[in-house]
N, C-alpha and C. Protein backbone atom coordinates (compact mmCIF):
# COMPACT_ATOMS: atom_id res chain seq x y z
N MET A 1 32.79 197.20 -104.81
CA MET A 1 32.53 197.05 -106.22
C MET A 1 33.64 196.29 -106.93
N ALA A 2 34.92 196.55 -106.53
CA ALA A 2 36.03 195.86 -107.17
C ALA A 2 35.91 194.36 -106.98
N GLU A 3 35.44 193.96 -105.79
CA GLU A 3 35.28 192.53 -105.53
C GLU A 3 34.19 191.95 -106.42
N GLU A 4 33.15 192.70 -106.70
CA GLU A 4 32.08 192.21 -107.54
C GLU A 4 32.57 192.00 -108.97
N ASP A 5 33.48 192.86 -109.46
CA ASP A 5 34.02 192.72 -110.82
C ASP A 5 34.88 191.47 -110.95
N ASP A 6 35.57 191.05 -109.85
CA ASP A 6 36.44 189.87 -109.87
C ASP A 6 35.64 188.58 -109.86
N VAL A 7 34.42 188.61 -109.37
CA VAL A 7 33.60 187.41 -109.27
C VAL A 7 32.90 187.20 -110.59
N LEU A 8 32.97 185.98 -111.14
CA LEU A 8 32.32 185.68 -112.41
C LEU A 8 30.84 185.50 -112.20
N ASP A 9 30.02 185.96 -113.15
CA ASP A 9 28.59 185.70 -113.02
C ASP A 9 28.31 184.29 -113.52
N GLY A 10 27.13 183.79 -113.31
CA GLY A 10 26.76 182.42 -113.63
C GLY A 10 26.94 182.09 -115.09
N GLU A 11 26.64 183.03 -116.00
CA GLU A 11 26.73 182.78 -117.43
C GLU A 11 28.19 182.55 -117.87
N ASP A 12 29.10 183.40 -117.35
CA ASP A 12 30.52 183.22 -117.68
C ASP A 12 31.03 181.88 -117.18
N THR A 13 30.63 181.47 -115.99
CA THR A 13 31.07 180.20 -115.42
C THR A 13 30.59 179.04 -116.27
N LEU A 14 29.35 179.08 -116.73
CA LEU A 14 28.83 178.01 -117.59
C LEU A 14 29.59 177.94 -118.90
N ASP A 15 29.94 179.10 -119.47
CA ASP A 15 30.71 179.12 -120.71
C ASP A 15 32.09 178.49 -120.50
N ASP A 16 32.72 178.80 -119.37
CA ASP A 16 34.04 178.23 -119.07
C ASP A 16 33.95 176.72 -118.91
N VAL A 17 32.94 176.24 -118.22
CA VAL A 17 32.76 174.80 -118.01
C VAL A 17 32.50 174.12 -119.35
N ALA A 18 31.69 174.73 -120.20
CA ALA A 18 31.40 174.15 -121.51
C ALA A 18 32.69 174.08 -122.34
N GLY A 19 33.50 175.13 -122.28
CA GLY A 19 34.77 175.13 -123.01
C GLY A 19 35.71 174.05 -122.51
N LEU A 20 35.77 173.85 -121.19
CA LEU A 20 36.61 172.79 -120.62
C LEU A 20 36.11 171.42 -121.05
N ALA A 21 34.79 171.24 -121.08
CA ALA A 21 34.22 169.96 -121.50
C ALA A 21 34.58 169.66 -122.95
N GLU A 22 34.52 170.69 -123.82
CA GLU A 22 34.90 170.50 -125.22
C GLU A 22 36.38 170.14 -125.34
N ASP A 23 37.23 170.82 -124.57
CA ASP A 23 38.66 170.51 -124.59
C ASP A 23 38.92 169.08 -124.13
N ALA A 24 38.24 168.66 -123.07
CA ALA A 24 38.41 167.30 -122.56
C ALA A 24 37.96 166.28 -123.58
N ALA A 25 36.84 166.55 -124.26
CA ALA A 25 36.34 165.63 -125.29
C ALA A 25 37.33 165.54 -126.45
N ALA A 26 37.89 166.67 -126.85
CA ALA A 26 38.88 166.67 -127.94
C ALA A 26 40.12 165.89 -127.55
N LEU A 27 40.58 166.07 -126.31
CA LEU A 27 41.76 165.35 -125.83
C LEU A 27 41.48 163.85 -125.79
N GLU A 28 40.31 163.48 -125.28
CA GLU A 28 39.95 162.06 -125.21
C GLU A 28 39.88 161.44 -126.60
N ALA A 29 39.32 162.17 -127.56
CA ALA A 29 39.24 161.68 -128.94
C ALA A 29 40.63 161.50 -129.53
N ALA A 30 41.52 162.45 -129.25
CA ALA A 30 42.88 162.35 -129.78
C ALA A 30 43.61 161.16 -129.19
N LEU A 31 43.46 160.94 -127.89
CA LEU A 31 44.13 159.81 -127.25
C LEU A 31 43.56 158.49 -127.72
N SER A 32 42.23 158.41 -127.87
CA SER A 32 41.64 157.16 -128.32
C SER A 32 42.01 156.87 -129.76
N SER A 33 42.15 157.89 -130.61
CA SER A 33 42.56 157.64 -131.99
C SER A 33 43.99 157.14 -132.04
N GLU A 34 44.84 157.59 -131.12
CA GLU A 34 46.22 157.09 -131.07
C GLU A 34 46.20 155.62 -130.72
N ASP A 35 45.41 155.25 -129.73
CA ASP A 35 45.38 153.87 -129.26
C ASP A 35 44.68 152.96 -130.24
N ASP A 36 43.70 153.47 -131.03
CA ASP A 36 42.98 152.66 -131.98
C ASP A 36 43.76 152.44 -133.26
N GLY A 37 44.86 153.16 -133.41
CA GLY A 37 45.70 153.01 -134.60
C GLY A 37 45.13 153.75 -135.79
N GLU A 38 44.17 154.67 -135.59
CA GLU A 38 43.60 155.42 -136.69
C GLU A 38 44.64 156.35 -137.31
N GLU A 39 45.56 156.83 -136.53
CA GLU A 39 46.60 157.71 -137.04
C GLU A 39 47.75 156.84 -137.51
N GLU A 40 48.14 156.99 -138.77
CA GLU A 40 49.16 156.13 -139.34
C GLU A 40 50.54 156.50 -138.82
N LEU A 41 51.31 155.46 -138.44
CA LEU A 41 52.66 155.67 -137.91
C LEU A 41 53.69 155.25 -138.95
N ASP A 42 54.87 155.78 -138.79
CA ASP A 42 56.02 155.38 -139.56
C ASP A 42 56.26 153.89 -139.30
N PRO A 43 56.58 153.07 -140.31
CA PRO A 43 56.81 151.64 -140.09
C PRO A 43 57.90 151.36 -139.06
N ILE A 44 58.95 152.16 -139.04
CA ILE A 44 60.02 151.96 -138.05
C ILE A 44 59.47 152.24 -136.66
N ALA A 45 58.67 153.29 -136.50
CA ALA A 45 58.08 153.60 -135.20
C ALA A 45 57.16 152.48 -134.76
N GLU A 46 56.37 151.91 -135.68
CA GLU A 46 55.49 150.80 -135.33
C GLU A 46 56.29 149.60 -134.83
N GLU A 47 57.38 149.29 -135.51
CA GLU A 47 58.22 148.16 -135.10
C GLU A 47 58.83 148.41 -133.73
N MET A 48 59.29 149.66 -133.48
CA MET A 48 59.87 149.98 -132.17
C MET A 48 58.82 149.85 -131.08
N ILE A 49 57.59 150.28 -131.35
CA ILE A 49 56.53 150.17 -130.35
C ILE A 49 56.23 148.71 -130.07
N ARG A 50 56.16 147.88 -131.12
CA ARG A 50 55.94 146.44 -130.91
C ARG A 50 57.06 145.83 -130.07
N THR A 51 58.29 146.18 -130.38
CA THR A 51 59.43 145.65 -129.64
C THR A 51 59.37 146.07 -128.18
N ILE A 52 59.03 147.33 -127.93
CA ILE A 52 58.93 147.82 -126.56
C ILE A 52 57.86 147.07 -125.81
N GLU A 53 56.71 146.84 -126.45
CA GLU A 53 55.61 146.13 -125.79
C GLU A 53 56.00 144.69 -125.50
N GLU A 54 56.74 144.04 -126.43
CA GLU A 54 57.12 142.65 -126.24
C GLU A 54 58.19 142.47 -125.17
N GLU A 55 59.20 143.32 -125.16
CA GLU A 55 60.33 143.12 -124.28
C GLU A 55 60.30 143.97 -123.03
N GLY A 56 59.54 145.04 -123.01
CA GLY A 56 59.44 145.89 -121.82
C GLY A 56 60.68 146.73 -121.62
N ASP A 57 60.67 147.51 -120.54
CA ASP A 57 61.75 148.42 -120.19
C ASP A 57 62.66 147.75 -119.18
N ASP A 58 63.97 147.73 -119.44
CA ASP A 58 64.91 147.10 -118.51
C ASP A 58 65.35 148.03 -117.40
N GLY A 59 64.85 149.26 -117.40
CA GLY A 59 65.15 150.20 -116.32
C GLY A 59 66.50 150.87 -116.43
N GLY A 60 67.24 150.64 -117.52
CA GLY A 60 68.55 151.28 -117.67
C GLY A 60 68.40 152.77 -117.91
N GLY A 61 69.36 153.54 -117.44
CA GLY A 61 69.29 154.98 -117.58
C GLY A 61 70.18 155.52 -118.68
N ASP A 62 70.78 154.65 -119.47
CA ASP A 62 71.71 155.10 -120.50
C ASP A 62 71.00 155.65 -121.72
N GLY A 63 69.71 155.37 -121.88
CA GLY A 63 68.97 155.80 -123.06
C GLY A 63 68.97 157.30 -123.24
N VAL A 64 68.81 158.04 -122.16
CA VAL A 64 68.77 159.50 -122.26
C VAL A 64 70.12 160.02 -122.72
N ASP A 65 71.21 159.49 -122.16
CA ASP A 65 72.55 159.91 -122.57
C ASP A 65 72.79 159.61 -124.04
N GLN A 66 72.35 158.43 -124.49
CA GLN A 66 72.54 158.06 -125.89
C GLN A 66 71.73 158.96 -126.80
N MET A 67 70.51 159.31 -126.38
CA MET A 67 69.69 160.19 -127.20
C MET A 67 70.31 161.58 -127.30
N LEU A 68 70.85 162.08 -126.18
CA LEU A 68 71.50 163.38 -126.21
C LEU A 68 72.72 163.36 -127.11
N GLU A 69 73.50 162.27 -127.04
CA GLU A 69 74.68 162.17 -127.89
C GLU A 69 74.28 162.13 -129.36
N MET A 70 73.19 161.41 -129.67
CA MET A 70 72.74 161.35 -131.05
C MET A 70 72.34 162.74 -131.54
N GLU A 71 71.65 163.50 -130.70
CA GLU A 71 71.25 164.85 -131.08
C GLU A 71 72.47 165.73 -131.29
N MET A 72 73.48 165.60 -130.42
CA MET A 72 74.68 166.41 -130.53
C MET A 72 75.46 166.06 -131.79
N LEU A 73 75.40 164.79 -132.21
CA LEU A 73 76.14 164.35 -133.39
C LEU A 73 75.33 164.50 -134.66
N GLY A 74 74.16 165.13 -134.55
CA GLY A 74 73.35 165.34 -135.75
C GLY A 74 72.41 164.20 -136.03
N GLY A 75 72.18 163.31 -135.07
CA GLY A 75 71.27 162.20 -135.27
C GLY A 75 69.84 162.67 -135.17
N GLY A 76 68.94 161.74 -135.24
CA GLY A 76 67.53 162.08 -135.15
C GLY A 76 66.99 162.37 -136.54
N GLY A 77 65.67 162.39 -136.65
CA GLY A 77 65.11 162.55 -137.97
C GLY A 77 64.11 163.68 -138.07
N GLY A 78 64.16 164.67 -137.23
CA GLY A 78 63.24 165.79 -137.33
C GLY A 78 62.31 165.84 -136.14
N SER A 79 61.12 166.40 -136.39
CA SER A 79 60.18 166.57 -135.29
C SER A 79 59.54 165.25 -134.91
N ILE A 80 59.09 165.19 -133.67
CA ILE A 80 58.50 163.98 -133.11
C ILE A 80 56.98 164.10 -133.19
N PRO A 81 56.31 163.09 -133.79
CA PRO A 81 54.84 163.14 -133.82
C PRO A 81 54.29 163.14 -132.39
N PRO A 82 53.20 163.86 -132.16
CA PRO A 82 52.65 163.97 -130.79
C PRO A 82 52.32 162.62 -130.17
N ASN A 83 51.86 161.65 -130.97
CA ASN A 83 51.50 160.36 -130.40
C ASN A 83 52.71 159.53 -129.98
N LEU A 84 53.92 159.91 -130.40
CA LEU A 84 55.13 159.20 -129.99
C LEU A 84 55.88 159.92 -128.88
N GLU A 85 55.52 161.16 -128.63
CA GLU A 85 56.23 161.97 -127.64
C GLU A 85 56.27 161.28 -126.27
N ARG A 86 55.20 160.61 -125.90
CA ARG A 86 55.14 159.97 -124.58
C ARG A 86 56.06 158.76 -124.48
N LEU A 87 56.59 158.26 -125.59
CA LEU A 87 57.51 157.12 -125.57
C LEU A 87 58.98 157.52 -125.55
N MET A 88 59.26 158.80 -125.67
CA MET A 88 60.64 159.26 -125.86
C MET A 88 61.55 158.99 -124.67
N ASP A 89 61.01 158.75 -123.47
CA ASP A 89 61.88 158.51 -122.31
C ASP A 89 62.04 157.02 -122.01
N VAL A 90 61.55 156.13 -122.90
CA VAL A 90 61.70 154.68 -122.71
C VAL A 90 63.11 154.29 -123.12
N SER A 91 63.79 153.53 -122.25
CA SER A 91 65.16 153.09 -122.54
C SER A 91 65.15 151.86 -123.45
N LEU A 92 66.03 151.87 -124.42
CA LEU A 92 66.20 150.75 -125.34
C LEU A 92 67.65 150.29 -125.28
N THR A 93 67.86 149.00 -125.52
CA THR A 93 69.21 148.47 -125.58
C THR A 93 69.71 148.58 -127.01
N VAL A 94 70.79 149.33 -127.20
CA VAL A 94 71.39 149.49 -128.53
C VAL A 94 72.71 148.72 -128.53
N THR A 95 72.83 147.78 -129.48
CA THR A 95 74.02 146.94 -129.59
C THR A 95 74.62 147.12 -130.98
N ILE A 96 75.93 147.24 -131.03
CA ILE A 96 76.63 147.31 -132.31
C ILE A 96 77.30 145.97 -132.53
N GLU A 97 76.97 145.32 -133.62
CA GLU A 97 77.51 143.99 -133.91
C GLU A 97 78.56 144.09 -135.00
N LEU A 98 79.78 143.81 -134.60
CA LEU A 98 80.92 143.88 -135.50
C LEU A 98 80.97 142.66 -136.43
N GLY A 99 80.55 141.53 -135.93
CA GLY A 99 80.54 140.30 -136.71
C GLY A 99 80.15 139.12 -135.85
N ARG A 100 80.06 137.96 -136.49
CA ARG A 100 79.68 136.73 -135.80
C ARG A 100 80.56 135.58 -136.28
N THR A 101 80.54 134.53 -135.51
CA THR A 101 81.19 133.29 -135.91
C THR A 101 80.54 132.14 -135.16
N ARG A 102 80.70 130.94 -135.66
CA ARG A 102 80.20 129.75 -134.97
C ARG A 102 81.41 128.88 -134.64
N GLU A 103 81.45 128.42 -133.42
CA GLU A 103 82.55 127.57 -132.97
C GLU A 103 81.99 126.40 -132.18
N THR A 104 82.78 125.36 -132.08
CA THR A 104 82.38 124.22 -131.26
C THR A 104 82.66 124.53 -129.79
N ILE A 105 82.06 123.79 -128.93
CA ILE A 105 82.30 123.96 -127.49
C ILE A 105 83.77 123.75 -127.19
N GLU A 106 84.38 122.77 -127.84
CA GLU A 106 85.80 122.49 -127.61
C GLU A 106 86.66 123.72 -127.92
N THR A 107 86.38 124.37 -129.06
CA THR A 107 87.15 125.55 -129.45
C THR A 107 86.96 126.69 -128.45
N VAL A 108 85.71 126.91 -128.03
CA VAL A 108 85.43 127.99 -127.07
C VAL A 108 86.12 127.71 -125.75
N MET A 109 86.18 126.44 -125.33
CA MET A 109 86.83 126.09 -124.07
C MET A 109 88.34 126.33 -124.14
N GLU A 110 88.90 126.38 -125.34
CA GLU A 110 90.34 126.62 -125.51
C GLU A 110 90.68 128.11 -125.55
N TYR A 111 89.67 128.99 -125.60
CA TYR A 111 89.94 130.42 -125.62
C TYR A 111 90.67 130.84 -124.36
N GLY A 112 91.59 131.75 -124.52
CA GLY A 112 92.32 132.31 -123.40
C GLY A 112 92.87 133.67 -123.79
N ASP A 113 93.74 134.21 -122.94
CA ASP A 113 94.37 135.49 -123.27
C ASP A 113 95.07 135.38 -124.61
N GLN A 114 94.94 136.42 -125.41
CA GLN A 114 95.57 136.53 -126.71
C GLN A 114 94.97 135.60 -127.77
N SER A 115 93.85 134.93 -127.47
CA SER A 115 93.18 134.10 -128.49
C SER A 115 92.65 135.01 -129.59
N LEU A 116 92.67 134.53 -130.79
CA LEU A 116 92.19 135.28 -131.94
C LEU A 116 90.92 134.62 -132.45
N ILE A 117 89.85 135.40 -132.57
CA ILE A 117 88.58 134.89 -133.05
C ILE A 117 88.28 135.59 -134.38
N GLU A 118 88.18 134.81 -135.43
CA GLU A 118 87.91 135.37 -136.75
C GLU A 118 86.40 135.53 -136.93
N LEU A 119 86.00 136.72 -137.40
CA LEU A 119 84.58 137.01 -137.59
C LEU A 119 84.20 136.88 -139.06
N ASP A 120 82.91 136.92 -139.33
CA ASP A 120 82.40 136.73 -140.68
C ASP A 120 82.39 138.00 -141.53
N ARG A 121 82.98 139.07 -141.05
CA ARG A 121 83.00 140.33 -141.81
C ARG A 121 84.42 140.75 -142.10
N THR A 122 84.56 141.52 -143.18
CA THR A 122 85.88 142.02 -143.55
C THR A 122 86.06 143.44 -143.04
N VAL A 123 87.28 143.92 -143.04
CA VAL A 123 87.59 145.28 -142.62
C VAL A 123 86.86 146.25 -143.55
N GLY A 124 86.23 147.25 -142.97
CA GLY A 124 85.52 148.26 -143.75
C GLY A 124 84.08 147.91 -144.07
N GLU A 125 83.69 146.67 -143.82
CA GLU A 125 82.31 146.27 -144.06
C GLU A 125 81.41 146.88 -142.99
N PRO A 126 80.18 147.28 -143.33
CA PRO A 126 79.30 147.91 -142.34
C PRO A 126 79.00 147.00 -141.15
N VAL A 127 78.82 147.63 -139.99
CA VAL A 127 78.43 146.90 -138.78
C VAL A 127 76.92 147.03 -138.61
N ASP A 128 76.32 146.11 -137.87
CA ASP A 128 74.88 146.14 -137.63
C ASP A 128 74.59 146.91 -136.36
N VAL A 129 73.53 147.70 -136.40
CA VAL A 129 73.03 148.41 -135.22
C VAL A 129 71.73 147.71 -134.84
N LEU A 130 71.73 147.09 -133.67
CA LEU A 130 70.56 146.37 -133.19
C LEU A 130 69.89 147.18 -132.09
N VAL A 131 68.57 147.30 -132.14
CA VAL A 131 67.82 147.95 -131.08
C VAL A 131 66.92 146.88 -130.47
N ASN A 132 67.14 146.63 -129.18
CA ASN A 132 66.46 145.55 -128.47
C ASN A 132 66.55 144.23 -129.23
N GLY A 133 67.72 143.96 -129.80
CA GLY A 133 67.98 142.69 -130.46
C GLY A 133 67.51 142.61 -131.90
N GLU A 134 66.85 143.65 -132.41
CA GLU A 134 66.35 143.65 -133.78
C GLU A 134 67.21 144.56 -134.65
N LEU A 135 67.52 144.11 -135.86
CA LEU A 135 68.32 144.91 -136.78
C LEU A 135 67.59 146.20 -137.11
N PHE A 136 68.24 147.33 -136.87
CA PHE A 136 67.64 148.65 -137.06
C PHE A 136 68.36 149.43 -138.16
N ALA A 137 69.69 149.29 -138.21
CA ALA A 137 70.47 150.07 -139.18
C ALA A 137 71.82 149.41 -139.39
N ARG A 138 72.56 149.94 -140.35
CA ARG A 138 73.95 149.54 -140.59
C ARG A 138 74.78 150.81 -140.61
N GLY A 139 76.05 150.67 -140.28
CA GLY A 139 76.88 151.86 -140.26
C GLY A 139 78.36 151.53 -140.28
N GLU A 140 79.16 152.59 -140.19
CA GLU A 140 80.62 152.43 -140.21
C GLU A 140 81.19 152.84 -138.85
N VAL A 141 82.22 152.13 -138.45
CA VAL A 141 82.87 152.41 -137.17
C VAL A 141 83.70 153.68 -137.31
N VAL A 142 83.54 154.58 -136.33
CA VAL A 142 84.29 155.84 -136.29
C VAL A 142 84.83 156.02 -134.89
N THR A 143 85.70 157.02 -134.71
CA THR A 143 86.14 157.37 -133.37
C THR A 143 85.58 158.74 -133.03
N VAL A 144 85.13 158.86 -131.78
CA VAL A 144 84.62 160.12 -131.24
C VAL A 144 85.46 160.40 -130.01
N SER A 145 86.31 161.42 -130.07
CA SER A 145 87.32 161.66 -129.03
C SER A 145 88.17 160.41 -128.95
N GLU A 146 88.15 159.72 -127.82
CA GLU A 146 88.92 158.48 -127.68
C GLU A 146 88.03 157.26 -127.63
N ASN A 147 86.75 157.41 -127.96
CA ASN A 147 85.78 156.31 -127.93
C ASN A 147 85.40 155.88 -129.34
N PHE A 148 84.93 154.65 -129.44
CA PHE A 148 84.38 154.18 -130.71
C PHE A 148 82.96 154.70 -130.84
N GLY A 149 82.52 154.84 -132.07
CA GLY A 149 81.15 155.21 -132.37
C GLY A 149 80.77 154.59 -133.69
N VAL A 150 79.52 154.77 -134.09
CA VAL A 150 79.04 154.26 -135.36
C VAL A 150 78.29 155.37 -136.08
N ARG A 151 78.66 155.62 -137.31
CA ARG A 151 77.94 156.56 -138.16
C ARG A 151 76.96 155.74 -138.98
N ILE A 152 75.67 155.99 -138.82
CA ILE A 152 74.65 155.23 -139.53
C ILE A 152 74.67 155.61 -141.00
N THR A 153 74.77 154.59 -141.84
CA THR A 153 74.80 154.81 -143.28
C THR A 153 73.54 154.27 -143.97
N GLU A 154 72.80 153.40 -143.28
CA GLU A 154 71.61 152.81 -143.89
C GLU A 154 70.62 152.41 -142.80
N LEU A 155 69.40 152.90 -142.90
CA LEU A 155 68.33 152.44 -142.02
C LEU A 155 67.70 151.22 -142.68
N VAL A 156 67.48 150.19 -141.87
CA VAL A 156 66.92 148.94 -142.39
C VAL A 156 65.42 148.97 -142.22
N ASN A 157 64.68 148.62 -143.25
CA ASN A 157 63.23 148.58 -143.17
C ASN A 157 62.82 147.33 -142.38
N PRO A 158 62.24 147.51 -141.18
CA PRO A 158 61.93 146.36 -140.33
C PRO A 158 60.84 145.47 -140.90
N LEU A 159 60.05 145.94 -141.84
CA LEU A 159 58.98 145.13 -142.40
C LEU A 159 59.51 144.07 -143.36
N HIS A 160 60.75 144.23 -143.83
CA HIS A 160 61.32 143.28 -144.78
C HIS A 160 62.32 142.34 -144.14
N ASN A 161 62.41 142.28 -142.82
CA ASN A 161 63.36 141.38 -142.16
C ASN A 161 62.79 140.00 -142.05
């Protein structure tokens, strides 16, 4: 008799299958709405997705370490929307740009040890934070232990670049 109680009757099995079918349909609808763009994304997230699609993943493993460091330093902006969760392990190249200059080939060929290159920014002026080569934010140079870091002071709206 105990074995008979463990075996589901036909009606219970049909109910379980129907419930699974409903769950699968709901999941499929949710995934298709993400891909169709019906769910509105943050403009910065949209720009990052476009950049990822255009440039692809370079296979670097530093992204996870950088994300952990950002979380430890109070970075991040809150909870992650479910449709972006699957992108969280994609590596991005983050570059901090202190300044720029233009020089002739002759001048560059003269560079050597102890050469001084003057940049277009002054001391204390914000540095640019580039993500995959696109301006993402501006910030100030800080030290973290014995390393340099950047404290973000302004997020740049990618739609106005």
